[in-house]
Amino acid sequence: MKQLLIVLVVAFSAWNLFSGPGSVSLGPGVMAENPPVQEDPIEPDPFDFDQYTITPLASFDIKAKVLSKKSYVMGRPAELSPVDLTLGWQNMSDESVLADIRISQSNRWYHWRVDDFPIPRREIETQSANMHLIPANEEIESLIDQARQGDIIELSGNLVRVDADDGWHWVSSLSRNDTGNHACELIWVEQFRVITL
């Protein structure tokens, strides 16, 4: 029985690995010309979501290229945000640039490496970001799940702060110019569209 269980776990893992949404290539050229748009929220009042209080910090709209996608199932953040997308805009949405940049995600972080810089380092840092997505409903969650590496997406919502009754909190960056710890965006996603579907 134990051997059968192991076989089933291995088969399921292999199915997940090889039957995912894959990636898409759109060729060279800037696919998302503008940086994200951020403004003070019209309605900044906190609201309840599951067992958390969410406070909008700024409205947020972006059209960008999906550079990487990572799903999470463990830990409190995964209850709110099951998927992180690393997004790129301006030069970081150009596949001729991205061909020289190795991108990965782990532990809710986004990592990149180059042998030679195809664009200045600061452009890589300020024209891409790891974004923690909190879907506002199941429909939005399903749309996020459909996104593939290489797709062009549009999303809108709010950068937020999340608080739990026990004192735990999670706060979005409010800048595209920061790097390192606390530099990721935490987004309450109200609209999401994959343009390249």
N, C-alpha and C. Protein backbone atom coordinates (compact mmCIF):
# COMPACT_ATOMS: atom_id res chain seq x y z
N MET A 1 0.82 -1.21 0.00
CA MET A 1 0.00 0.00 0.00
C MET A 1 0.86 1.26 0.00
N LYS A 2 1.95 1.22 0.80
CA LYS A 2 2.84 2.36 0.88
C LYS A 2 3.50 2.63 -0.47
N GLN A 3 3.88 1.54 -1.17
CA GLN A 3 4.51 1.70 -2.48
C GLN A 3 3.53 2.32 -3.49
N LEU A 4 2.28 1.90 -3.43
CA LEU A 4 1.26 2.46 -4.31
C LEU A 4 1.08 3.95 -4.06
N LEU A 5 1.08 4.34 -2.79
CA LEU A 5 0.95 5.75 -2.44
C LEU A 5 2.13 6.56 -2.99
N ILE A 6 3.33 6.01 -2.88
CA ILE A 6 4.52 6.70 -3.40
C ILE A 6 4.43 6.86 -4.91
N VAL A 7 3.99 5.81 -5.60
CA VAL A 7 3.84 5.86 -7.06
C VAL A 7 2.82 6.94 -7.44
N LEU A 8 1.71 7.00 -6.71
CA LEU A 8 0.69 7.99 -7.02
C LEU A 8 1.19 9.42 -6.79
N VAL A 9 1.95 9.63 -5.71
CA VAL A 9 2.50 10.95 -5.43
C VAL A 9 3.48 11.36 -6.52
N VAL A 10 4.34 10.45 -6.94
CA VAL A 10 5.31 10.74 -8.00
C VAL A 10 4.60 11.03 -9.32
N ALA A 11 3.57 10.23 -9.64
CA ALA A 11 2.83 10.45 -10.88
C ALA A 11 2.12 11.80 -10.88
N PHE A 12 1.53 12.16 -9.73
CA PHE A 12 0.84 13.45 -9.63
C PHE A 12 1.82 14.60 -9.77
N SER A 13 2.99 14.47 -9.14
CA SER A 13 4.01 15.52 -9.24
C SER A 13 4.48 15.68 -10.68
N ALA A 14 4.70 14.56 -11.36
CA ALA A 14 5.13 14.63 -12.76
C ALA A 14 4.06 15.25 -13.64
N TRP A 15 2.80 14.91 -13.39
CA TRP A 15 1.70 15.49 -14.16
C TRP A 15 1.66 17.01 -13.97
N ASN A 16 1.82 17.46 -12.70
CA ASN A 16 1.83 18.90 -12.44
C ASN A 16 2.99 19.58 -13.13
N LEU A 17 4.14 18.92 -13.18
CA LEU A 17 5.33 19.51 -13.77
C LEU A 17 5.19 19.67 -15.27
N PHE A 18 4.66 18.65 -15.93
CA PHE A 18 4.67 18.65 -17.39
C PHE A 18 3.35 19.06 -18.04
N SER A 19 2.30 19.23 -17.25
CA SER A 19 1.02 19.60 -17.85
C SER A 19 0.60 21.01 -17.48
N GLY A 20 1.53 21.82 -16.98
CA GLY A 20 1.23 23.20 -16.62
C GLY A 20 0.96 24.04 -17.85
N PRO A 21 0.70 25.32 -17.63
CA PRO A 21 0.33 26.18 -18.74
C PRO A 21 1.48 26.51 -19.68
N GLY A 22 2.74 26.19 -19.30
CA GLY A 22 3.87 26.44 -20.18
C GLY A 22 4.19 27.91 -20.29
N SER A 23 4.81 28.27 -21.39
CA SER A 23 5.20 29.66 -21.61
C SER A 23 4.89 30.04 -23.04
N VAL A 24 4.94 31.34 -23.30
CA VAL A 24 4.64 31.84 -24.63
C VAL A 24 5.74 32.82 -25.03
N SER A 25 6.09 32.82 -26.31
CA SER A 25 7.08 33.75 -26.84
C SER A 25 6.41 34.68 -27.84
N LEU A 26 6.64 35.98 -27.68
CA LEU A 26 6.03 36.97 -28.56
C LEU A 26 7.04 37.67 -29.45
N GLY A 27 8.31 37.30 -29.33
CA GLY A 27 9.33 37.91 -30.17
C GLY A 27 9.89 39.19 -29.57
N PRO A 28 10.90 39.77 -30.24
CA PRO A 28 11.56 40.96 -29.70
C PRO A 28 10.68 42.20 -29.78
N GLY A 29 11.06 43.19 -28.99
CA GLY A 29 10.34 44.46 -28.97
C GLY A 29 9.67 44.70 -27.62
N VAL A 30 9.56 45.96 -27.26
CA VAL A 30 8.90 46.35 -26.00
C VAL A 30 7.40 46.08 -26.13
N MET A 31 6.87 45.27 -25.22
CA MET A 31 5.46 44.88 -25.27
C MET A 31 4.58 45.65 -24.29
N ALA A 32 5.21 46.29 -23.31
CA ALA A 32 4.47 47.10 -22.33
C ALA A 32 5.25 48.39 -22.15
N GLU A 33 4.81 49.43 -22.85
CA GLU A 33 5.62 50.65 -22.99
C GLU A 33 5.66 51.51 -21.74
N ASN A 34 4.64 51.42 -20.89
CA ASN A 34 4.51 52.38 -19.79
C ASN A 34 4.74 51.74 -18.43
N PRO A 35 5.24 52.52 -17.47
CA PRO A 35 5.37 52.01 -16.11
C PRO A 35 4.01 51.90 -15.44
N PRO A 36 3.93 51.20 -14.32
CA PRO A 36 2.66 51.13 -13.59
C PRO A 36 2.17 52.52 -13.17
N VAL A 37 0.85 52.63 -13.02
CA VAL A 37 0.24 53.88 -12.58
C VAL A 37 -0.26 53.67 -11.16
N GLN A 38 0.19 54.54 -10.27
CA GLN A 38 -0.17 54.45 -8.85
C GLN A 38 -0.71 55.79 -8.39
N GLU A 39 -1.86 55.76 -7.70
CA GLU A 39 -2.47 56.99 -7.19
C GLU A 39 -3.07 56.71 -5.82
N ASP A 40 -3.25 57.78 -5.03
CA ASP A 40 -3.92 57.62 -3.74
C ASP A 40 -5.30 57.04 -3.97
N PRO A 41 -5.72 56.09 -3.13
CA PRO A 41 -7.03 55.45 -3.35
C PRO A 41 -8.19 56.40 -3.12
N ILE A 42 -9.24 56.20 -3.91
CA ILE A 42 -10.46 57.01 -3.75
C ILE A 42 -11.17 56.64 -2.45
N GLU A 43 -11.17 55.35 -2.14
CA GLU A 43 -11.82 54.86 -0.92
C GLU A 43 -10.79 54.10 -0.08
N PRO A 44 -10.07 54.79 0.80
CA PRO A 44 -9.01 54.13 1.55
C PRO A 44 -9.47 53.38 2.79
N ASP A 45 -10.78 53.29 3.02
CA ASP A 45 -11.27 52.65 4.24
C ASP A 45 -10.93 51.17 4.26
N PRO A 46 -10.49 50.65 5.41
CA PRO A 46 -10.21 49.21 5.54
C PRO A 46 -11.48 48.39 5.35
N PHE A 47 -11.28 47.12 4.93
CA PHE A 47 -12.40 46.21 4.80
C PHE A 47 -11.95 44.81 5.22
N ASP A 48 -12.92 43.98 5.60
CA ASP A 48 -12.62 42.62 6.05
C ASP A 48 -12.61 41.67 4.87
N PHE A 49 -11.66 40.73 4.91
CA PHE A 49 -11.56 39.70 3.90
C PHE A 49 -11.10 38.42 4.59
N ASP A 50 -11.96 37.40 4.57
CA ASP A 50 -11.72 36.18 5.35
C ASP A 50 -11.49 36.61 6.80
N GLN A 51 -10.33 36.28 7.36
CA GLN A 51 -10.06 36.63 8.75
C GLN A 51 -9.05 37.77 8.85
N TYR A 52 -8.98 38.59 7.82
CA TYR A 52 -7.99 39.65 7.76
C TYR A 52 -8.67 41.00 7.53
N THR A 53 -7.96 42.07 7.88
CA THR A 53 -8.38 43.43 7.55
C THR A 53 -7.43 43.96 6.49
N ILE A 54 -8.01 44.42 5.39
CA ILE A 54 -7.22 44.93 4.27
C ILE A 54 -7.42 46.43 4.17
N THR A 55 -6.29 47.15 4.13
CA THR A 55 -6.33 48.60 4.02
C THR A 55 -5.70 49.03 2.70
N PRO A 56 -6.47 49.63 1.78
CA PRO A 56 -5.89 50.14 0.53
C PRO A 56 -4.91 51.27 0.82
N LEU A 57 -3.75 51.21 0.17
CA LEU A 57 -2.72 52.24 0.33
C LEU A 57 -2.60 53.12 -0.90
N ALA A 58 -2.88 52.54 -2.07
CA ALA A 58 -2.80 53.29 -3.32
C ALA A 58 -3.48 52.47 -4.41
N SER A 59 -4.16 53.14 -5.34
CA SER A 59 -4.68 52.41 -6.49
C SER A 59 -3.51 52.04 -7.39
N PHE A 60 -3.67 50.96 -8.15
CA PHE A 60 -2.54 50.44 -8.92
C PHE A 60 -3.06 49.82 -10.22
N ASP A 61 -2.48 50.25 -11.33
CA ASP A 61 -2.82 49.70 -12.65
C ASP A 61 -1.53 49.41 -13.38
N ILE A 62 -1.49 48.25 -14.06
CA ILE A 62 -0.28 47.89 -14.77
C ILE A 62 -0.60 47.03 -15.99
N LYS A 63 0.13 47.28 -17.06
CA LYS A 63 0.21 46.38 -18.20
C LYS A 63 1.66 45.93 -18.25
N ALA A 64 1.89 44.61 -18.27
CA ALA A 64 3.25 44.12 -18.15
C ALA A 64 3.39 42.72 -18.73
N LYS A 65 4.64 42.31 -18.88
CA LYS A 65 4.95 40.96 -19.36
C LYS A 65 5.23 40.07 -18.16
N VAL A 66 4.69 38.86 -18.18
CA VAL A 66 4.94 37.90 -17.11
C VAL A 66 6.33 37.30 -17.34
N LEU A 67 7.25 37.63 -16.44
CA LEU A 67 8.62 37.12 -16.55
C LEU A 67 8.77 35.77 -15.86
N SER A 68 7.96 35.55 -14.84
CA SER A 68 8.00 34.29 -14.10
C SER A 68 6.72 34.19 -13.28
N LYS A 69 6.35 32.96 -12.94
CA LYS A 69 5.14 32.71 -12.17
C LYS A 69 5.43 31.63 -11.15
N LYS A 70 4.98 31.84 -9.91
CA LYS A 70 5.23 30.87 -8.86
C LYS A 70 4.00 30.74 -7.98
N SER A 71 3.57 29.51 -7.74
CA SER A 71 2.44 29.24 -6.86
C SER A 71 2.94 28.81 -5.49
N TYR A 72 2.17 29.17 -4.47
CA TYR A 72 2.51 28.82 -3.09
C TYR A 72 1.29 28.23 -2.40
N VAL A 73 1.54 27.24 -1.54
CA VAL A 73 0.44 26.60 -0.82
C VAL A 73 0.68 26.57 0.69
N MET A 74 1.89 26.83 1.14
CA MET A 74 2.22 26.73 2.56
C MET A 74 2.37 28.12 3.17
N GLY A 75 1.93 28.25 4.40
CA GLY A 75 2.13 29.48 5.14
C GLY A 75 0.96 30.43 5.03
N ARG A 76 0.91 31.36 5.96
CA ARG A 76 -0.18 32.32 6.01
C ARG A 76 -0.28 33.18 4.76
N PRO A 77 0.84 33.66 4.19
CA PRO A 77 0.71 34.47 2.97
C PRO A 77 0.01 33.75 1.83
N ALA A 78 0.19 32.42 1.74
CA ALA A 78 -0.44 31.66 0.66
C ALA A 78 -1.96 31.62 0.80
N GLU A 79 -2.47 31.78 2.02
CA GLU A 79 -3.93 31.84 2.20
C GLU A 79 -4.51 33.04 1.47
N LEU A 80 -3.76 34.12 1.44
CA LEU A 80 -4.22 35.34 0.79
C LEU A 80 -3.78 35.42 -0.66
N SER A 81 -2.53 35.11 -0.89
CA SER A 81 -1.91 35.29 -2.19
C SER A 81 -1.27 33.98 -2.64
N PRO A 82 -2.03 33.15 -3.36
CA PRO A 82 -1.50 31.85 -3.77
C PRO A 82 -0.53 31.92 -4.95
N VAL A 83 -0.46 33.06 -5.64
CA VAL A 83 0.41 33.18 -6.82
C VAL A 83 1.17 34.50 -6.78
N ASP A 84 2.47 34.40 -7.06
CA ASP A 84 3.28 35.59 -7.33
C ASP A 84 3.59 35.64 -8.81
N LEU A 85 3.49 36.82 -9.39
CA LEU A 85 3.95 37.05 -10.76
C LEU A 85 5.11 38.04 -10.72
N THR A 86 6.21 37.67 -11.36
CA THR A 86 7.25 38.65 -11.62
C THR A 86 6.90 39.31 -12.94
N LEU A 87 6.74 40.63 -12.91
CA LEU A 87 6.28 41.36 -14.08
C LEU A 87 7.36 42.33 -14.56
N GLY A 88 7.41 42.53 -15.89
CA GLY A 88 8.34 43.47 -16.47
C GLY A 88 7.65 44.43 -17.41
N TRP A 89 8.11 45.66 -17.44
CA TRP A 89 7.55 46.68 -18.33
C TRP A 89 8.71 47.46 -18.95
N GLN A 90 8.37 48.27 -19.94
CA GLN A 90 9.38 49.02 -20.70
C GLN A 90 10.45 48.05 -21.21
N ASN A 91 11.73 48.30 -21.02
CA ASN A 91 12.75 47.40 -21.59
C ASN A 91 12.68 45.99 -21.03
N MET A 92 12.13 45.84 -19.84
CA MET A 92 12.01 44.51 -19.26
C MET A 92 10.80 43.75 -19.79
N SER A 93 10.15 44.28 -20.81
CA SER A 93 9.11 43.52 -21.52
C SER A 93 9.58 43.14 -22.92
N ASP A 94 10.86 43.34 -23.19
CA ASP A 94 11.45 43.07 -24.51
C ASP A 94 12.19 41.74 -24.46
N GLU A 95 11.74 40.77 -25.23
CA GLU A 95 12.36 39.44 -25.18
C GLU A 95 13.81 39.44 -25.64
N SER A 96 14.22 40.41 -26.47
CA SER A 96 15.62 40.48 -26.87
C SER A 96 16.50 40.88 -25.68
N VAL A 97 15.95 41.62 -24.73
CA VAL A 97 16.65 41.94 -23.49
C VAL A 97 16.58 40.76 -22.52
N LEU A 98 15.40 40.18 -22.39
CA LEU A 98 15.19 39.10 -21.43
C LEU A 98 15.99 37.85 -21.77
N ALA A 99 16.38 37.69 -23.02
CA ALA A 99 17.17 36.52 -23.42
C ALA A 99 18.50 36.44 -22.68
N ASP A 100 18.98 37.59 -22.19
CA ASP A 100 20.27 37.62 -21.50
C ASP A 100 20.13 37.72 -19.98
N ILE A 101 18.90 37.54 -19.48
CA ILE A 101 18.66 37.63 -18.03
C ILE A 101 18.02 36.33 -17.56
N ARG A 102 18.63 35.71 -16.55
CA ARG A 102 18.07 34.49 -15.96
C ARG A 102 17.22 34.89 -14.75
N ILE A 103 15.96 34.49 -14.78
CA ILE A 103 15.00 34.91 -13.77
C ILE A 103 14.45 33.70 -13.03
N SER A 104 14.32 33.82 -11.71
CA SER A 104 13.73 32.74 -10.91
C SER A 104 12.98 33.35 -9.73
N GLN A 105 12.16 32.52 -9.08
CA GLN A 105 11.41 32.91 -7.90
C GLN A 105 11.52 31.83 -6.85
N SER A 106 11.62 32.24 -5.59
CA SER A 106 11.57 31.30 -4.47
C SER A 106 11.31 32.07 -3.19
N ASN A 107 10.58 31.43 -2.28
CA ASN A 107 10.32 32.03 -0.96
C ASN A 107 9.76 33.45 -1.05
N ARG A 108 8.89 33.68 -2.03
CA ARG A 108 8.21 34.96 -2.27
C ARG A 108 9.19 36.05 -2.73
N TRP A 109 10.35 35.65 -3.23
CA TRP A 109 11.35 36.57 -3.77
C TRP A 109 11.52 36.34 -5.26
N TYR A 110 12.01 37.36 -5.94
CA TYR A 110 12.35 37.31 -7.36
C TYR A 110 13.87 37.53 -7.48
N HIS A 111 14.51 36.65 -8.24
CA HIS A 111 15.96 36.72 -8.41
C HIS A 111 16.29 36.83 -9.89
N TRP A 112 17.33 37.58 -10.21
CA TRP A 112 17.80 37.65 -11.59
C TRP A 112 19.33 37.60 -11.61
N ARG A 113 19.85 37.08 -12.74
CA ARG A 113 21.30 36.99 -12.92
C ARG A 113 21.63 37.28 -14.37
N VAL A 114 22.77 37.88 -14.59
CA VAL A 114 23.26 38.12 -15.95
C VAL A 114 24.75 37.82 -16.01
N ASP A 115 25.22 37.48 -17.19
CA ASP A 115 26.66 37.42 -17.43
C ASP A 115 27.15 38.79 -17.88
N ASP A 116 26.43 39.38 -18.81
CA ASP A 116 26.69 40.74 -19.27
C ASP A 116 25.37 41.49 -19.27
N PHE A 117 25.38 42.72 -18.84
CA PHE A 117 24.14 43.49 -18.75
C PHE A 117 23.64 43.90 -20.14
N PRO A 118 22.43 43.46 -20.53
CA PRO A 118 21.87 43.89 -21.82
C PRO A 118 21.33 45.32 -21.75
N ILE A 119 20.97 45.75 -20.56
CA ILE A 119 20.53 47.12 -20.28
C ILE A 119 21.15 47.49 -18.94
N PRO A 120 21.16 48.76 -18.56
CA PRO A 120 21.74 49.13 -17.26
C PRO A 120 21.06 48.40 -16.10
N ARG A 121 21.85 48.08 -15.08
CA ARG A 121 21.34 47.37 -13.90
C ARG A 121 20.11 48.06 -13.32
N ARG A 122 20.15 49.40 -13.25
CA ARG A 122 19.04 50.12 -12.63
C ARG A 122 17.75 49.96 -13.41
N GLU A 123 17.83 49.77 -14.72
CA GLU A 123 16.62 49.53 -15.50
C GLU A 123 16.03 48.16 -15.16
N ILE A 124 16.88 47.17 -14.97
CA ILE A 124 16.38 45.85 -14.56
C ILE A 124 15.66 45.98 -13.23
N GLU A 125 16.25 46.73 -12.30
CA GLU A 125 15.70 46.85 -10.96
C GLU A 125 14.39 47.65 -10.91
N THR A 126 14.27 48.66 -11.76
CA THR A 126 13.11 49.56 -11.68
C THR A 126 12.04 49.29 -12.72
N GLN A 127 12.32 48.38 -13.66
CA GLN A 127 11.33 48.05 -14.69
C GLN A 127 10.84 46.61 -14.55
N SER A 128 11.01 46.05 -13.37
CA SER A 128 10.49 44.72 -13.07
C SER A 128 10.28 44.61 -11.58
N ALA A 129 9.38 43.73 -11.18
CA ALA A 129 9.10 43.55 -9.75
C ALA A 129 8.36 42.24 -9.53
N ASN A 130 8.55 41.70 -8.32
CA ASN A 130 7.78 40.54 -7.90
C ASN A 130 6.51 41.04 -7.23
N MET A 131 5.36 40.52 -7.65
CA MET A 131 4.09 41.03 -7.15
C MET A 131 3.26 39.90 -6.55
N HIS A 132 2.90 40.10 -5.27
CA HIS A 132 2.04 39.16 -4.55
C HIS A 132 0.59 39.54 -4.86
N LEU A 133 -0.16 38.62 -5.45
CA LEU A 133 -1.51 38.92 -5.90
C LEU A 133 -2.56 38.31 -4.97
N ILE A 134 -3.43 39.17 -4.45
CA ILE A 134 -4.57 38.73 -3.65
C ILE A 134 -5.82 38.85 -4.52
N PRO A 135 -6.32 37.74 -5.06
CA PRO A 135 -7.51 37.84 -5.93
C PRO A 135 -8.74 38.24 -5.13
N ALA A 136 -9.51 39.19 -5.66
CA ALA A 136 -10.70 39.67 -4.96
C ALA A 136 -11.81 38.63 -4.93
N ASN A 137 -11.79 37.69 -5.88
CA ASN A 137 -12.82 36.65 -5.93
C ASN A 137 -12.30 35.45 -6.72
N GLU A 138 -13.10 34.41 -6.80
CA GLU A 138 -12.68 33.17 -7.46
C GLU A 138 -12.47 33.37 -8.96
N GLU A 139 -13.25 34.24 -9.58
CA GLU A 139 -13.09 34.49 -11.01
C GLU A 139 -11.73 35.11 -11.29
N ILE A 140 -11.33 36.09 -10.48
CA ILE A 140 -10.02 36.71 -10.64
C ILE A 140 -8.93 35.67 -10.40
N GLU A 141 -9.10 34.84 -9.40
CA GLU A 141 -8.11 33.80 -9.11
C GLU A 141 -7.94 32.87 -10.30
N SER A 142 -9.05 32.50 -10.94
CA SER A 142 -8.99 31.63 -12.11
C SER A 142 -8.26 32.30 -13.27
N LEU A 143 -8.50 33.59 -13.47
CA LEU A 143 -7.82 34.32 -14.55
C LEU A 143 -6.32 34.40 -14.29
N ILE A 144 -5.94 34.65 -13.04
CA ILE A 144 -4.52 34.68 -12.69
C ILE A 144 -3.88 33.33 -12.97
N ASP A 145 -4.58 32.25 -12.64
CA ASP A 145 -4.06 30.90 -12.86
C ASP A 145 -3.78 30.63 -14.34
N GLN A 146 -4.52 31.30 -15.24
CA GLN A 146 -4.34 31.08 -16.67
C GLN A 146 -3.10 31.76 -17.23
N ALA A 147 -2.55 32.72 -16.52
CA ALA A 147 -1.40 33.47 -17.03
C ALA A 147 -0.18 32.57 -17.16
N ARG A 148 0.55 32.75 -18.26
CA ARG A 148 1.76 31.97 -18.52
C ARG A 148 2.96 32.89 -18.57
N GLN A 149 4.12 32.31 -18.32
CA GLN A 149 5.35 33.07 -18.52
C GLN A 149 5.40 33.54 -19.98
N GLY A 150 5.66 34.82 -20.17
CA GLY A 150 5.70 35.40 -21.51
C GLY A 150 4.45 36.14 -21.91
N ASP A 151 3.33 35.87 -21.23
CA ASP A 151 2.08 36.57 -21.54
C ASP A 151 2.18 38.05 -21.22
N ILE A 152 1.35 38.83 -21.89
CA ILE A 152 1.13 40.22 -21.52
C ILE A 152 -0.19 40.28 -20.75
N ILE A 153 -0.13 40.89 -19.57
CA ILE A 153 -1.33 40.95 -18.74
C ILE A 153 -1.64 42.40 -18.38
N GLU A 154 -2.88 42.63 -18.02
CA GLU A 154 -3.30 43.90 -17.44
C GLU A 154 -4.00 43.59 -16.13
N LEU A 155 -3.67 44.34 -15.09
CA LEU A 155 -4.40 44.18 -13.83
C LEU A 155 -4.60 45.54 -13.20
N SER A 156 -5.63 45.62 -12.39
CA SER A 156 -5.89 46.84 -11.62
C SER A 156 -6.46 46.46 -10.27
N GLY A 157 -6.21 47.31 -9.31
CA GLY A 157 -6.67 47.08 -7.95
C GLY A 157 -6.02 48.08 -7.03
N ASN A 158 -5.57 47.59 -5.88
CA ASN A 158 -4.94 48.46 -4.89
C ASN A 158 -3.73 47.80 -4.26
N LEU A 159 -2.69 48.59 -4.04
CA LEU A 159 -1.61 48.19 -3.15
C LEU A 159 -2.16 48.27 -1.74
N VAL A 160 -1.87 47.24 -0.92
CA VAL A 160 -2.58 47.14 0.36
C VAL A 160 -1.66 46.78 1.52
N ARG A 161 -2.21 46.99 2.70
CA ARG A 161 -1.67 46.45 3.95
C ARG A 161 -2.69 45.44 4.47
N VAL A 162 -2.19 44.30 4.94
CA VAL A 162 -3.05 43.25 5.49
C VAL A 162 -2.70 43.07 6.97
N ASP A 163 -3.73 43.03 7.81
CA ASP A 163 -3.53 42.82 9.25
C ASP A 163 -4.39 41.68 9.74
N ALA A 164 -3.83 40.90 10.66
CA ALA A 164 -4.57 39.84 11.34
C ALA A 164 -4.75 40.22 12.80
N ASP A 165 -5.72 39.60 13.46
CA ASP A 165 -6.03 39.94 14.85
C ASP A 165 -4.87 39.66 15.80
N ASP A 166 -4.00 38.72 15.44
CA ASP A 166 -2.89 38.35 16.33
C ASP A 166 -1.66 39.24 16.15
N GLY A 167 -1.78 40.29 15.33
CA GLY A 167 -0.67 41.20 15.14
C GLY A 167 0.13 40.98 13.87
N TRP A 168 -0.08 39.83 13.20
CA TRP A 168 0.63 39.58 11.94
C TRP A 168 0.17 40.59 10.90
N HIS A 169 1.12 41.07 10.09
CA HIS A 169 0.76 42.00 9.03
C HIS A 169 1.67 41.80 7.82
N TRP A 170 1.22 42.32 6.70
CA TRP A 170 1.93 42.21 5.43
C TRP A 170 1.65 43.51 4.69
N VAL A 171 2.72 44.21 4.28
CA VAL A 171 2.56 45.55 3.73
C VAL A 171 3.23 45.66 2.37
N SER A 172 2.53 46.26 1.43
CA SER A 172 3.06 46.46 0.09
C SER A 172 4.12 47.55 0.06
N SER A 173 5.07 47.38 -0.85
CA SER A 173 5.93 48.50 -1.24
C SER A 173 5.07 49.52 -1.98
N LEU A 174 5.44 50.77 -1.87
CA LEU A 174 4.75 51.83 -2.60
C LEU A 174 5.67 52.50 -3.61
N SER A 175 6.77 51.83 -3.94
CA SER A 175 7.75 52.40 -4.86
C SER A 175 8.19 51.36 -5.87
N ARG A 176 8.49 51.79 -7.08
CA ARG A 176 9.09 50.92 -8.08
C ARG A 176 10.60 51.02 -8.07
N ASN A 177 11.15 51.86 -7.21
CA ASN A 177 12.58 52.11 -7.19
C ASN A 177 13.33 51.37 -6.09
N ASP A 178 12.60 50.68 -5.21
CA ASP A 178 13.26 49.97 -4.12
C ASP A 178 13.66 48.56 -4.55
N THR A 179 14.59 47.98 -3.81
CA THR A 179 15.04 46.62 -4.06
C THR A 179 15.19 45.90 -2.73
N GLY A 180 15.30 44.57 -2.80
CA GLY A 180 15.55 43.80 -1.59
C GLY A 180 14.30 43.56 -0.77
N ASN A 181 14.52 43.35 0.54
CA ASN A 181 13.42 43.02 1.45
C ASN A 181 12.38 44.13 1.48
N HIS A 182 11.12 43.76 1.47
CA HIS A 182 9.97 44.68 1.52
C HIS A 182 9.79 45.48 0.22
N ALA A 183 10.43 45.06 -0.86
CA ALA A 183 10.30 45.80 -2.13
C ALA A 183 9.18 45.26 -3.03
N CYS A 184 8.56 44.16 -2.63
CA CYS A 184 7.51 43.58 -3.47
C CYS A 184 6.19 44.32 -3.29
N GLU A 185 5.40 44.29 -4.35
CA GLU A 185 4.05 44.85 -4.29
C GLU A 185 3.08 43.79 -3.79
N LEU A 186 2.18 44.17 -2.91
CA LEU A 186 1.10 43.33 -2.42
C LEU A 186 -0.19 43.94 -2.95
N ILE A 187 -0.86 43.23 -3.87
CA ILE A 187 -1.94 43.84 -4.64
C ILE A 187 -3.26 43.12 -4.42
N TRP A 188 -4.26 43.88 -4.03
CA TRP A 188 -5.65 43.41 -4.03
C TRP A 188 -6.13 43.56 -5.47
N VAL A 189 -6.30 42.44 -6.17
CA VAL A 189 -6.57 42.46 -7.62
C VAL A 189 -8.07 42.43 -7.87
N GLU A 190 -8.58 43.50 -8.46
CA GLU A 190 -10.01 43.61 -8.76
C GLU A 190 -10.32 43.31 -10.22
N GLN A 191 -9.35 43.52 -11.10
CA GLN A 191 -9.51 43.19 -12.52
C GLN A 191 -8.21 42.57 -13.02
N PHE A 192 -8.35 41.56 -13.86
CA PHE A 192 -7.17 40.88 -14.41
C PHE A 192 -7.51 40.38 -15.80
N ARG A 193 -6.60 40.64 -16.73
CA ARG A 193 -6.84 40.18 -18.10
C ARG A 193 -5.53 39.73 -18.73
N VAL A 194 -5.56 38.55 -19.34
CA VAL A 194 -4.42 38.06 -20.13
C VAL A 194 -4.66 38.49 -21.56
N ILE A 195 -3.86 39.39 -22.06
CA ILE A 195 -4.07 39.95 -23.40
C ILE A 195 -3.71 38.95 -24.48
N THR A 196 -2.73 38.09 -24.22
CA THR A 196 -2.22 37.19 -25.25
C THR A 196 -2.93 35.85 -25.30
N LEU A 197 -4.03 35.65 -24.59
CA LEU A 197 -4.79 34.40 -24.69
C LEU A 197 -5.41 34.25 -26.07
